[in-house]
Protein backbone atom coordinates (compact mmCIF):
# COMPACT_ATOMS: atom_id res chain seq x y z
CA UNK A 1 0.00 0.00 0.00
CA UNK A 2 1.28 3.46 -0.89
CA UNK A 3 1.64 6.22 1.64
CA UNK A 4 -0.15 9.54 1.31
CA UNK A 5 3.17 11.18 0.47
CA UNK A 6 3.81 8.68 -2.34
CA UNK A 7 0.31 9.13 -3.73
CA UNK A 8 0.64 12.91 -3.60
CA UNK A 9 3.95 12.76 -5.46
CA UNK A 10 2.40 10.47 -8.06
CA UNK A 11 -0.41 12.99 -8.62
CA UNK A 12 2.07 15.88 -8.90
CA UNK A 13 4.09 14.00 -11.51
CA UNK A 14 0.97 13.17 -13.52
CA UNK A 15 -0.15 16.80 -13.27
CA UNK A 16 3.16 17.93 -14.77
CA UNK A 17 2.61 15.52 -17.67
CA UNK A 18 -0.92 16.84 -18.20
CA UNK A 19 0.34 20.43 -18.18
CA UNK A 20 2.61 19.58 -21.11
CA UNK A 21 -0.47 18.85 -23.20
CA UNK A 22 0.69 17.40 -26.49
CA UNK A 23 4.31 17.67 -25.40
CA UNK A 24 7.08 19.12 -27.53
CA UNK A 25 5.84 17.37 -30.67
CA UNK A 26 2.41 18.93 -30.22
CA UNK A 27 3.93 22.37 -29.63
CA UNK A 28 6.06 22.01 -32.75
CA UNK A 29 3.00 20.98 -34.77
CA UNK A 30 1.20 24.13 -33.59
CA UNK A 31 4.16 26.32 -34.52
CA UNK A 32 4.30 24.79 -38.02
CA UNK A 33 0.66 25.82 -38.41
CA UNK A 34 1.60 29.38 -37.41
CA UNK A 35 0.11 29.14 -33.93
CA UNK A 36 1.51 29.28 -30.44
CA UNK A 37 0.71 26.42 -28.07
CA UNK A 38 -2.29 27.24 -25.91
CA UNK A 39 -0.45 27.83 -22.64
CA UNK A 40 1.97 30.21 -24.37
CA UNK A 41 -1.03 32.13 -25.73
CA UNK A 42 -2.51 32.28 -22.24
CA UNK A 43 0.77 33.62 -20.87
CA UNK A 44 0.60 36.47 -23.38
CA UNK A 45 -3.09 37.15 -22.71
CA UNK A 46 -3.29 37.00 -18.92
CA UNK A 47 -1.93 39.47 -16.39
CA UNK A 48 1.52 38.17 -15.38
CA UNK A 49 1.22 39.15 -11.71
CA UNK A 50 -2.14 37.45 -11.19
CA UNK A 51 -2.93 33.76 -10.69
CA UNK A 52 -4.58 31.55 -13.30
CA UNK A 53 -6.86 28.86 -11.90
CA UNK A 54 -7.02 26.07 -14.42
CA UNK A 55 -10.22 24.05 -14.38
CA UNK A 56 -10.56 20.67 -15.99
CA UNK A 57 -6.89 19.68 -16.13
CA UNK A 58 -7.93 16.17 -15.16
CA UNK A 59 -10.87 16.04 -17.60
CA UNK A 60 -10.83 12.89 -19.73
CA UNK A 61 -7.98 11.41 -17.66
CA UNK A 62 -7.61 7.79 -18.71
CA UNK A 63 -9.94 8.18 -21.67
CA UNK A 64 -9.13 8.03 -25.37
CA UNK A 65 -6.27 5.51 -25.22
CA UNK A 66 -6.73 4.93 -28.94
CA UNK A 67 -5.55 8.53 -29.46
CA UNK A 68 -2.64 8.16 -27.04
CA UNK A 69 -4.74 9.80 -24.33
CA UNK A 70 -5.84 13.39 -24.65
CA UNK A 71 -4.60 15.60 -21.78
CA UNK A 72 -7.40 17.78 -20.39
CA UNK A 73 -9.62 16.52 -23.23
CA UNK A 74 -7.62 18.78 -25.54
CA UNK A 75 -9.07 21.92 -23.93
CA UNK A 76 -7.69 24.46 -21.46
CA UNK A 77 -10.25 26.26 -19.34
CA UNK A 78 -9.75 28.45 -16.33
CA UNK A 79 -10.14 31.74 -14.55
CA UNK A 80 -7.60 34.49 -14.89
CA UNK A 81 -7.12 38.23 -14.94
CA UNK A 82 -6.92 40.35 -18.11
CA UNK A 83 -5.97 44.01 -17.61
CA UNK A 84 -7.06 43.83 -14.00
CA UNK A 85 -10.47 42.33 -14.71
PDB file of N, CA and C in Angstrom:
ATOM      1  N   UNK A   1       0.838  -1.178   0.000  1.00  0.00           N
ATOM      2  CA  UNK A   1       0.000   0.000   0.000  1.00  0.00           C
ATOM      3  C   UNK A   1       0.887   1.247   0.000  1.00  0.00           C
ATOM      4  N   UNK A   2       0.513   2.220  -0.799  1.00  0.00           N
ATOM      5  CA  UNK A   2       1.275   3.457  -0.890  1.00  0.00           C
ATOM      6  C   UNK A   2       0.927   4.396   0.258  1.00  0.00           C
ATOM      7  N   UNK A   3       1.884   5.215   0.615  1.00  0.00           N
ATOM      8  CA  UNK A   3       1.638   6.220   1.642  1.00  0.00           C
ATOM      9  C   UNK A   3       1.006   7.446   0.991  1.00  0.00           C
ATOM     10  N   UNK A   4       0.451   8.303   1.811  1.00  0.00           N
ATOM     11  CA  UNK A   4      -0.145   9.537   1.309  1.00  0.00           C
ATOM     12  C   UNK A   4       0.902  10.371   0.578  1.00  0.00           C
ATOM     13  N   UNK A   5       2.100  10.417   1.106  1.00  0.00           N
ATOM     14  CA  UNK A   5       3.175  11.176   0.472  1.00  0.00           C
ATOM     15  C   UNK A   5       3.488  10.619  -0.917  1.00  0.00           C
ATOM     16  N   UNK A   6       3.536   9.303  -1.036  1.00  0.00           N
ATOM     17  CA  UNK A   6       3.811   8.676  -2.338  1.00  0.00           C
ATOM     18  C   UNK A   6       2.682   8.946  -3.331  1.00  0.00           C
ATOM     19  N   UNK A   7       1.452   8.859  -2.863  1.00  0.00           N
ATOM     20  CA  UNK A   7       0.309   9.129  -3.733  1.00  0.00           C
ATOM     21  C   UNK A   7       0.285  10.584  -4.182  1.00  0.00           C
ATOM     22  N   UNK A   8       0.599  11.491  -3.266  1.00  0.00           N
ATOM     23  CA  UNK A   8       0.642  12.909  -3.602  1.00  0.00           C
ATOM     24  C   UNK A   8       1.713  13.179  -4.647  1.00  0.00           C
ATOM     25  N   UNK A   9       2.867  12.586  -4.490  1.00  0.00           N
ATOM     26  CA  UNK A   9       3.949  12.762  -5.457  1.00  0.00           C
ATOM     27  C   UNK A   9       3.556  12.194  -6.819  1.00  0.00           C
ATOM     28  N   UNK A  10       2.872  11.075  -6.811  1.00  0.00           N
ATOM     29  CA  UNK A  10       2.404  10.470  -8.058  1.00  0.00           C
ATOM     30  C   UNK A  10       1.436  11.418  -8.785  1.00  0.00           C
ATOM     31  N   UNK A  11       0.529  12.034  -8.033  1.00  0.00           N
ATOM     32  CA  UNK A  11      -0.408  12.992  -8.619  1.00  0.00           C
ATOM     33  C   UNK A  11       0.317  14.218  -9.159  1.00  0.00           C
ATOM     34  N   UNK A  12       1.301  14.711  -8.433  1.00  0.00           N
ATOM     35  CA  UNK A  12       2.068  15.878  -8.899  1.00  0.00           C
ATOM     36  C   UNK A  12       2.803  15.571 -10.192  1.00  0.00           C
ATOM     37  N   UNK A  13       3.380  14.392 -10.287  1.00  0.00           N
ATOM     38  CA  UNK A  13       4.086  14.003 -11.509  1.00  0.00           C
ATOM     39  C   UNK A  13       3.119  13.894 -12.682  1.00  0.00           C
ATOM     40  N   UNK A  14       1.959  13.297 -12.443  1.00  0.00           N
ATOM     41  CA  UNK A  14       0.965  13.174 -13.516  1.00  0.00           C
ATOM     42  C   UNK A  14       0.459  14.548 -13.927  1.00  0.00           C
ATOM     43  N   UNK A  15       0.288  15.446 -12.970  1.00  0.00           N
ATOM     44  CA  UNK A  15      -0.153  16.799 -13.270  1.00  0.00           C
ATOM     45  C   UNK A  15       0.848  17.498 -14.184  1.00  0.00           C
ATOM     46  N   UNK A  16       2.131  17.326 -13.916  1.00  0.00           N
ATOM     47  CA  UNK A  16       3.156  17.929 -14.771  1.00  0.00           C
ATOM     48  C   UNK A  16       3.065  17.395 -16.195  1.00  0.00           C
ATOM     49  N   UNK A  17       2.787  16.110 -16.339  1.00  0.00           N
ATOM     50  CA  UNK A  17       2.610  15.521 -17.665  1.00  0.00           C
ATOM     51  C   UNK A  17       1.388  16.121 -18.357  1.00  0.00           C
ATOM     52  N   UNK A  18       0.295  16.266 -17.621  1.00  0.00           N
ATOM     53  CA  UNK A  18      -0.918  16.844 -18.196  1.00  0.00           C
ATOM     54  C   UNK A  18      -0.696  18.289 -18.624  1.00  0.00           C
ATOM     55  N   UNK A  19       0.077  19.037 -17.850  1.00  0.00           N
ATOM     56  CA  UNK A  19       0.344  20.435 -18.184  1.00  0.00           C
ATOM     57  C   UNK A  19       1.152  20.583 -19.467  1.00  0.00           C
ATOM     58  N   UNK A  20       1.848  19.539 -19.858  1.00  0.00           N
ATOM     59  CA  UNK A  20       2.609  19.580 -21.108  1.00  0.00           C
ATOM     60  C   UNK A  20       1.705  19.406 -22.323  1.00  0.00           C
ATOM     61  N   UNK A  21       0.467  19.025 -22.090  1.00  0.00           N
ATOM     62  CA  UNK A  21      -0.472  18.851 -23.198  1.00  0.00           C
ATOM     63  C   UNK A  21       0.052  17.849 -24.204  1.00  0.00           C
ATOM     64  N   UNK A  22       0.190  18.267 -25.430  1.00  0.00           N
ATOM     65  CA  UNK A  22       0.690  17.396 -26.491  1.00  0.00           C
ATOM     66  C   UNK A  22       2.189  17.238 -26.493  1.00  0.00           C
ATOM     67  N   UNK A  23       2.855  17.787 -25.488  1.00  0.00           N
ATOM     68  CA  UNK A  23       4.307  17.672 -25.404  1.00  0.00           C
ATOM     69  C   UNK A  23       5.005  18.524 -26.449  1.00  0.00           C
ATOM     70  N   UNK A  24       6.293  18.321 -26.591  1.00  0.00           N
ATOM     71  CA  UNK A  24       7.084  19.121 -27.526  1.00  0.00           C
ATOM     72  C   UNK A  24       6.653  18.881 -28.969  1.00  0.00           C
ATOM     73  N   UNK A  25       6.279  17.648 -29.293  1.00  0.00           N
ATOM     74  CA  UNK A  25       5.845  17.369 -30.668  1.00  0.00           C
ATOM     75  C   UNK A  25       4.549  18.110 -30.988  1.00  0.00           C
ATOM     76  N   UNK A  26       3.650  18.188 -30.019  1.00  0.00           N
ATOM     77  CA  UNK A  26       2.410  18.935 -30.218  1.00  0.00           C
ATOM     78  C   UNK A  26       2.668  20.422 -30.353  1.00  0.00           C
ATOM     79  N   UNK A  27       3.583  20.944 -29.545  1.00  0.00           N
ATOM     80  CA  UNK A  27       3.931  22.365 -29.628  1.00  0.00           C
ATOM     81  C   UNK A  27       4.558  22.680 -30.981  1.00  0.00           C
ATOM     82  N   UNK A  28       5.418  21.805 -31.450  1.00  0.00           N
ATOM     83  CA  UNK A  28       6.055  22.008 -32.754  1.00  0.00           C
ATOM     84  C   UNK A  28       5.019  21.968 -33.875  1.00  0.00           C
ATOM     85  N   UNK A  29       4.070  21.071 -33.766  1.00  0.00           N
ATOM     86  CA  UNK A  29       3.001  20.977 -34.767  1.00  0.00           C
ATOM     87  C   UNK A  29       2.207  22.286 -34.812  1.00  0.00           C
ATOM     88  N   UNK A  30       1.909  22.853 -33.638  1.00  0.00           N
ATOM     89  CA  UNK A  30       1.196  24.129 -33.590  1.00  0.00           C
ATOM     90  C   UNK A  30       2.016  25.244 -34.239  1.00  0.00           C
ATOM     91  N   UNK A  31       3.300  25.270 -33.955  1.00  0.00           N
ATOM     92  CA  UNK A  31       4.161  26.315 -34.525  1.00  0.00           C
ATOM     93  C   UNK A  31       4.239  26.201 -36.045  1.00  0.00           C
ATOM     94  N   UNK A  32       4.280  24.984 -36.563  1.00  0.00           N
ATOM     95  CA  UNK A  32       4.300  24.789 -38.020  1.00  0.00           C
ATOM     96  C   UNK A  32       3.017  25.296 -38.670  1.00  0.00           C
ATOM     97  N   UNK A  33       1.931  25.297 -37.915  1.00  0.00           N
ATOM     98  CA  UNK A  33       0.662  25.821 -38.408  1.00  0.00           C
ATOM     99  C   UNK A  33       0.539  27.328 -38.174  1.00  0.00           C
ATOM    100  N   UNK A  34       1.605  27.939 -37.657  1.00  0.00           N
ATOM    101  CA  UNK A  34       1.604  29.375 -37.412  1.00  0.00           C
ATOM    102  C   UNK A  34       0.915  29.786 -36.126  1.00  0.00           C
ATOM    103  N   UNK A  35       0.782  28.854 -35.200  1.00  0.00           N
ATOM    104  CA  UNK A  35       0.111  29.141 -33.929  1.00  0.00           C
ATOM    105  C   UNK A  35       1.053  28.875 -32.766  1.00  0.00           C
ATOM    106  N   UNK A  36       0.814  29.577 -31.690  1.00  0.00           N
ATOM    107  CA  UNK A  36       1.515  29.283 -30.441  1.00  0.00           C
ATOM    108  C   UNK A  36       0.736  28.207 -29.693  1.00  0.00           C
ATOM    109  N   UNK A  37       1.430  27.370 -28.933  1.00  0.00           N
ATOM    110  CA  UNK A  37       0.710  26.420 -28.071  1.00  0.00           C
ATOM    111  C   UNK A  37      -0.186  27.184 -27.095  1.00  0.00           C
ATOM    112  N   UNK A  38      -1.260  26.565 -26.683  1.00  0.00           N
ATOM    113  CA  UNK A  38      -2.293  27.245 -25.910  1.00  0.00           C
ATOM    114  C   UNK A  38      -1.765  27.894 -24.631  1.00  0.00           C
ATOM    115  N   UNK A  39      -0.908  27.229 -23.892  1.00  0.00           N
ATOM    116  CA  UNK A  39      -0.448  27.830 -22.636  1.00  0.00           C
ATOM    117  C   UNK A  39       0.476  29.019 -22.891  1.00  0.00           C
ATOM    118  N   UNK A  40       1.171  29.032 -24.006  1.00  0.00           N
ATOM    119  CA  UNK A  40       1.967  30.212 -24.373  1.00  0.00           C
ATOM    120  C   UNK A  40       1.044  31.374 -24.731  1.00  0.00           C
ATOM    121  N   UNK A  41      -0.058  31.082 -25.418  1.00  0.00           N
ATOM    122  CA  UNK A  41      -1.034  32.127 -25.734  1.00  0.00           C
ATOM    123  C   UNK A  41      -1.647  32.694 -24.458  1.00  0.00           C
ATOM    124  N   UNK A  42      -1.950  31.816 -23.510  1.00  0.00           N
ATOM    125  CA  UNK A  42      -2.514  32.284 -22.243  1.00  0.00           C
ATOM    126  C   UNK A  42      -1.526  33.165 -21.489  1.00  0.00           C
ATOM    127  N   UNK A  43      -0.257  32.816 -21.532  1.00  0.00           N
ATOM    128  CA  UNK A  43       0.772  33.621 -20.868  1.00  0.00           C
ATOM    129  C   UNK A  43       0.792  35.033 -21.440  1.00  0.00           C
ATOM    130  N   UNK A  44       0.615  35.153 -22.740  1.00  0.00           N
ATOM    131  CA  UNK A  44       0.597  36.468 -23.379  1.00  0.00           C
ATOM    132  C   UNK A  44      -0.692  37.229 -23.081  1.00  0.00           C
ATOM    133  N   UNK A  45      -1.791  36.522 -22.924  1.00  0.00           N
ATOM    134  CA  UNK A  45      -3.092  37.148 -22.713  1.00  0.00           C
ATOM    135  C   UNK A  45      -3.312  37.601 -21.276  1.00  0.00           C
ATOM    136  N   UNK A  46      -2.947  36.762 -20.326  1.00  0.00           N
ATOM    137  CA  UNK A  46      -3.287  37.002 -18.925  1.00  0.00           C
ATOM    138  C   UNK A  46      -2.299  37.932 -18.231  1.00  0.00           C
ATOM    139  N   UNK A  47      -2.788  38.618 -17.205  1.00  0.00           N
ATOM    140  CA  UNK A  47      -1.925  39.471 -16.390  1.00  0.00           C
ATOM    141  C   UNK A  47      -0.844  38.614 -15.735  1.00  0.00           C
ATOM    142  N   UNK A  48       0.429  39.004 -15.889  1.00  0.00           N
ATOM    143  CA  UNK A  48       1.519  38.172 -15.377  1.00  0.00           C
ATOM    144  C   UNK A  48       1.602  38.101 -13.855  1.00  0.00           C
ATOM    145  N   UNK A  49       1.100  39.114 -13.166  1.00  0.00           N
ATOM    146  CA  UNK A  49       1.224  39.145 -11.711  1.00  0.00           C
ATOM    147  C   UNK A  49      -0.016  38.602 -10.999  1.00  0.00           C
ATOM    148  N   UNK A  50      -0.916  37.992 -11.767  1.00  0.00           N
ATOM    149  CA  UNK A  50      -2.142  37.447 -11.187  1.00  0.00           C
ATOM    150  C   UNK A  50      -2.201  35.941 -11.418  1.00  0.00           C
ATOM    151  N   UNK A  51      -2.860  35.217 -10.526  1.00  0.00           N
ATOM    152  CA  UNK A  51      -2.927  33.757 -10.686  1.00  0.00           C
ATOM    153  C   UNK A  51      -3.896  33.343 -11.791  1.00  0.00           C
ATOM    154  N   UNK A  52      -3.664  32.185 -12.354  1.00  0.00           N
ATOM    155  CA  UNK A  52      -4.576  31.550 -13.304  1.00  0.00           C
ATOM    156  C   UNK A  52      -5.019  30.239 -12.674  1.00  0.00           C
ATOM    157  N   UNK A  53      -6.310  30.082 -12.481  1.00  0.00           N
ATOM    158  CA  UNK A  53      -6.858  28.861 -11.896  1.00  0.00           C
ATOM    159  C   UNK A  53      -7.368  27.987 -13.032  1.00  0.00           C
ATOM    160  N   UNK A  54      -6.608  26.956 -13.341  1.00  0.00           N
ATOM    161  CA  UNK A  54      -7.016  26.066 -14.423  1.00  0.00           C
ATOM    162  C   UNK A  54      -8.071  25.090 -13.918  1.00  0.00           C
ATOM    163  N   UNK A  55      -9.125  24.964 -14.687  1.00  0.00           N
ATOM    164  CA  UNK A  55     -10.222  24.045 -14.383  1.00  0.00           C
ATOM    165  C   UNK A  55     -10.197  22.934 -15.428  1.00  0.00           C
ATOM    166  N   UNK A  56     -10.438  21.748 -15.026  1.00  0.00           N
ATOM    167  CA  UNK A  56     -10.559  20.670 -15.993  1.00  0.00           C
ATOM    168  C   UNK A  56      -9.257  20.047 -16.445  1.00  0.00           C
ATOM    169  N   UNK A  57      -8.163  20.286 -15.741  1.00  0.00           N
ATOM    170  CA  UNK A  57      -6.887  19.682 -16.126  1.00  0.00           C
ATOM    171  C   UNK A  57      -7.002  18.164 -16.159  1.00  0.00           C
ATOM    172  N   UNK A  58      -7.794  17.624 -15.258  1.00  0.00           N
ATOM    173  CA  UNK A  58      -7.929  16.170 -15.162  1.00  0.00           C
ATOM    174  C   UNK A  58      -9.095  15.637 -15.993  1.00  0.00           C
ATOM    175  N   UNK A  59      -9.763  16.500 -16.751  1.00  0.00           N
ATOM    176  CA  UNK A  59     -10.870  16.042 -17.598  1.00  0.00           C
ATOM    177  C   UNK A  59     -10.365  14.999 -18.582  1.00  0.00           C
ATOM    178  N   UNK A  60     -11.128  13.976 -18.777  1.00  0.00           N
ATOM    179  CA  UNK A  60     -10.828  12.892 -19.729  1.00  0.00           C
ATOM    180  C   UNK A  60      -9.600  12.079 -19.340  1.00  0.00           C
ATOM    181  N   UNK A  61      -9.144  12.195 -18.109  1.00  0.00           N
ATOM    182  CA  UNK A  61      -7.984  11.413 -17.659  1.00  0.00           C
ATOM    183  C   UNK A  61      -8.295   9.931 -17.805  1.00  0.00           C
ATOM    184  N   UNK A  62      -7.444   9.226 -18.503  1.00  0.00           N
ATOM    185  CA  UNK A  62      -7.609   7.792 -18.710  1.00  0.00           C
ATOM    186  C   UNK A  62      -8.529   7.432 -19.863  1.00  0.00           C
ATOM    187  N   UNK A  63      -9.063   8.440 -20.530  1.00  0.00           N
ATOM    188  CA  UNK A  63      -9.940   8.184 -21.671  1.00  0.00           C
ATOM    189  C   UNK A  63      -9.147   8.337 -22.969  1.00  0.00           C
ATOM    190  N   UNK A  64      -9.705   7.894 -24.029  1.00  0.00           N
ATOM    191  CA  UNK A  64      -9.135   8.027 -25.373  1.00  0.00           C
ATOM    192  C   UNK A  64      -7.772   7.374 -25.534  1.00  0.00           C
ATOM    193  N   UNK A  65      -7.579   6.156 -25.037  1.00  0.00           N
ATOM    194  CA  UNK A  65      -6.274   5.509 -25.215  1.00  0.00           C
ATOM    195  C   UNK A  65      -5.939   5.275 -26.686  1.00  0.00           C
ATOM    196  N   UNK A  66      -6.972   5.143 -27.518  1.00  0.00           N
ATOM    197  CA  UNK A  66      -6.726   4.933 -28.943  1.00  0.00           C
ATOM    198  C   UNK A  66      -6.086   6.153 -29.611  1.00  0.00           C
ATOM    199  N   UNK A  67      -6.178   7.302 -28.962  1.00  0.00           N
ATOM    200  CA  UNK A  67      -5.547   8.528 -29.456  1.00  0.00           C
ATOM    201  C   UNK A  67      -4.272   8.838 -28.675  1.00  0.00           C
ATOM    202  N   UNK A  68      -3.824   7.917 -27.865  1.00  0.00           N
ATOM    203  CA  UNK A  68      -2.640   8.155 -27.045  1.00  0.00           C
ATOM    204  C   UNK A  68      -2.948   8.999 -25.828  1.00  0.00           C
ATOM    205  N   UNK A  69      -4.214   8.958 -25.400  1.00  0.00           N
ATOM    206  CA  UNK A  69      -4.745   9.801 -24.327  1.00  0.00           C
ATOM    207  C   UNK A  69      -4.805  11.241 -24.813  1.00  0.00           C
ATOM    208  N   UNK A  70      -5.660  12.003 -24.238  1.00  0.00           N
ATOM    209  CA  UNK A  70      -5.840  13.393 -24.648  1.00  0.00           C
ATOM    210  C   UNK A  70      -5.833  14.234 -23.377  1.00  0.00           C
ATOM    211  N   UNK A  71      -4.672  14.818 -23.018  1.00  0.00           N
ATOM    212  CA  UNK A  71      -4.597  15.603 -21.784  1.00  0.00           C
ATOM    213  C   UNK A  71      -5.654  16.703 -21.734  1.00  0.00           C
ATOM    214  N   UNK A  72      -6.367  16.769 -20.633  1.00  0.00           N
ATOM    215  CA  UNK A  72      -7.397  17.778 -20.388  1.00  0.00           C
ATOM    216  C   UNK A  72      -8.451  17.789 -21.492  1.00  0.00           C
ATOM    217  N   UNK A  73      -8.656  16.657 -22.132  1.00  0.00           N
ATOM    218  CA  UNK A  73      -9.623  16.519 -23.230  1.00  0.00           C
ATOM    219  C   UNK A  73      -9.289  17.460 -24.382  1.00  0.00           C
ATOM    220  N   UNK A  74      -8.046  17.902 -24.455  1.00  0.00           N
ATOM    221  CA  UNK A  74      -7.620  18.784 -25.539  1.00  0.00           C
ATOM    222  C   UNK A  74      -8.073  20.224 -25.372  1.00  0.00           C
ATOM    223  N   UNK A  75      -8.519  20.583 -24.168  1.00  0.00           N
ATOM    224  CA  UNK A  75      -9.065  21.916 -23.928  1.00  0.00           C
ATOM    225  C   UNK A  75      -8.449  22.492 -22.656  1.00  0.00           C
ATOM    226  N   UNK A  76      -8.152  23.776 -22.674  1.00  0.00           N
ATOM    227  CA  UNK A  76      -7.688  24.456 -21.461  1.00  0.00           C
ATOM    228  C   UNK A  76      -8.756  25.464 -21.065  1.00  0.00           C
ATOM    229  N   UNK A  77      -9.271  25.317 -19.861  1.00  0.00           N
ATOM    230  CA  UNK A  77     -10.253  26.260 -19.336  1.00  0.00           C
ATOM    231  C   UNK A  77      -9.775  26.744 -17.980  1.00  0.00           C
ATOM    232  N   UNK A  78     -10.157  27.944 -17.634  1.00  0.00           N
ATOM    233  CA  UNK A  78      -9.751  28.447 -16.334  1.00  0.00           C
ATOM    234  C   UNK A  78     -10.215  29.865 -16.098  1.00  0.00           C
ATOM    235  N   UNK A  79      -9.815  30.378 -14.957  1.00  0.00           N
ATOM    236  CA  UNK A  79     -10.142  31.737 -14.547  1.00  0.00           C
ATOM    237  C   UNK A  79      -8.847  32.511 -14.389  1.00  0.00           C
ATOM    238  N   UNK A  80      -8.791  33.669 -14.997  1.00  0.00           N
ATOM    239  CA  UNK A  80      -7.599  34.491 -14.888  1.00  0.00           C
ATOM    240  C   UNK A  80      -7.953  35.964 -15.015  1.00  0.00           C
ATOM    241  N   UNK A  81      -6.954  36.782 -14.895  1.00  0.00           N
ATOM    242  CA  UNK A  81      -7.122  38.230 -14.943  1.00  0.00           C
ATOM    243  C   UNK A  81      -6.575  38.766 -16.264  1.00  0.00           C
ATOM    244  N   UNK A  82      -7.352  39.664 -16.895  1.00  0.00           N
ATOM    245  CA  UNK A  82      -6.916  40.349 -18.109  1.00  0.00           C
ATOM    246  C   UNK A  82      -7.083  41.839 -17.860  1.00  0.00           C
ATOM    247  N   UNK A  83      -5.979  42.564 -17.879  1.00  0.00           N
ATOM    248  CA  UNK A  83      -5.969  44.005 -17.612  1.00  0.00           C
ATOM    249  C   UNK A  83      -6.728  44.346 -16.333  1.00  0.00           C
ATOM    250  N   UNK A  84      -6.484  43.556 -15.307  1.00  0.00           N
ATOM    251  CA  UNK A  84      -7.064  43.829 -13.996  1.00  0.00           C
ATOM    252  C   UNK A  84      -8.502  43.400 -13.813  1.00  0.00           C
ATOM    253  N   UNK A  85      -9.063  42.768 -14.800  1.00  0.00           N
ATOM    254  CA  UNK A  85     -10.467  42.327 -14.706  1.00  0.00           C
ATOM    255  C   UNK A  85     -10.542  40.823 -14.692  1.00  0.00           C
TER     256      UNK A  85
END
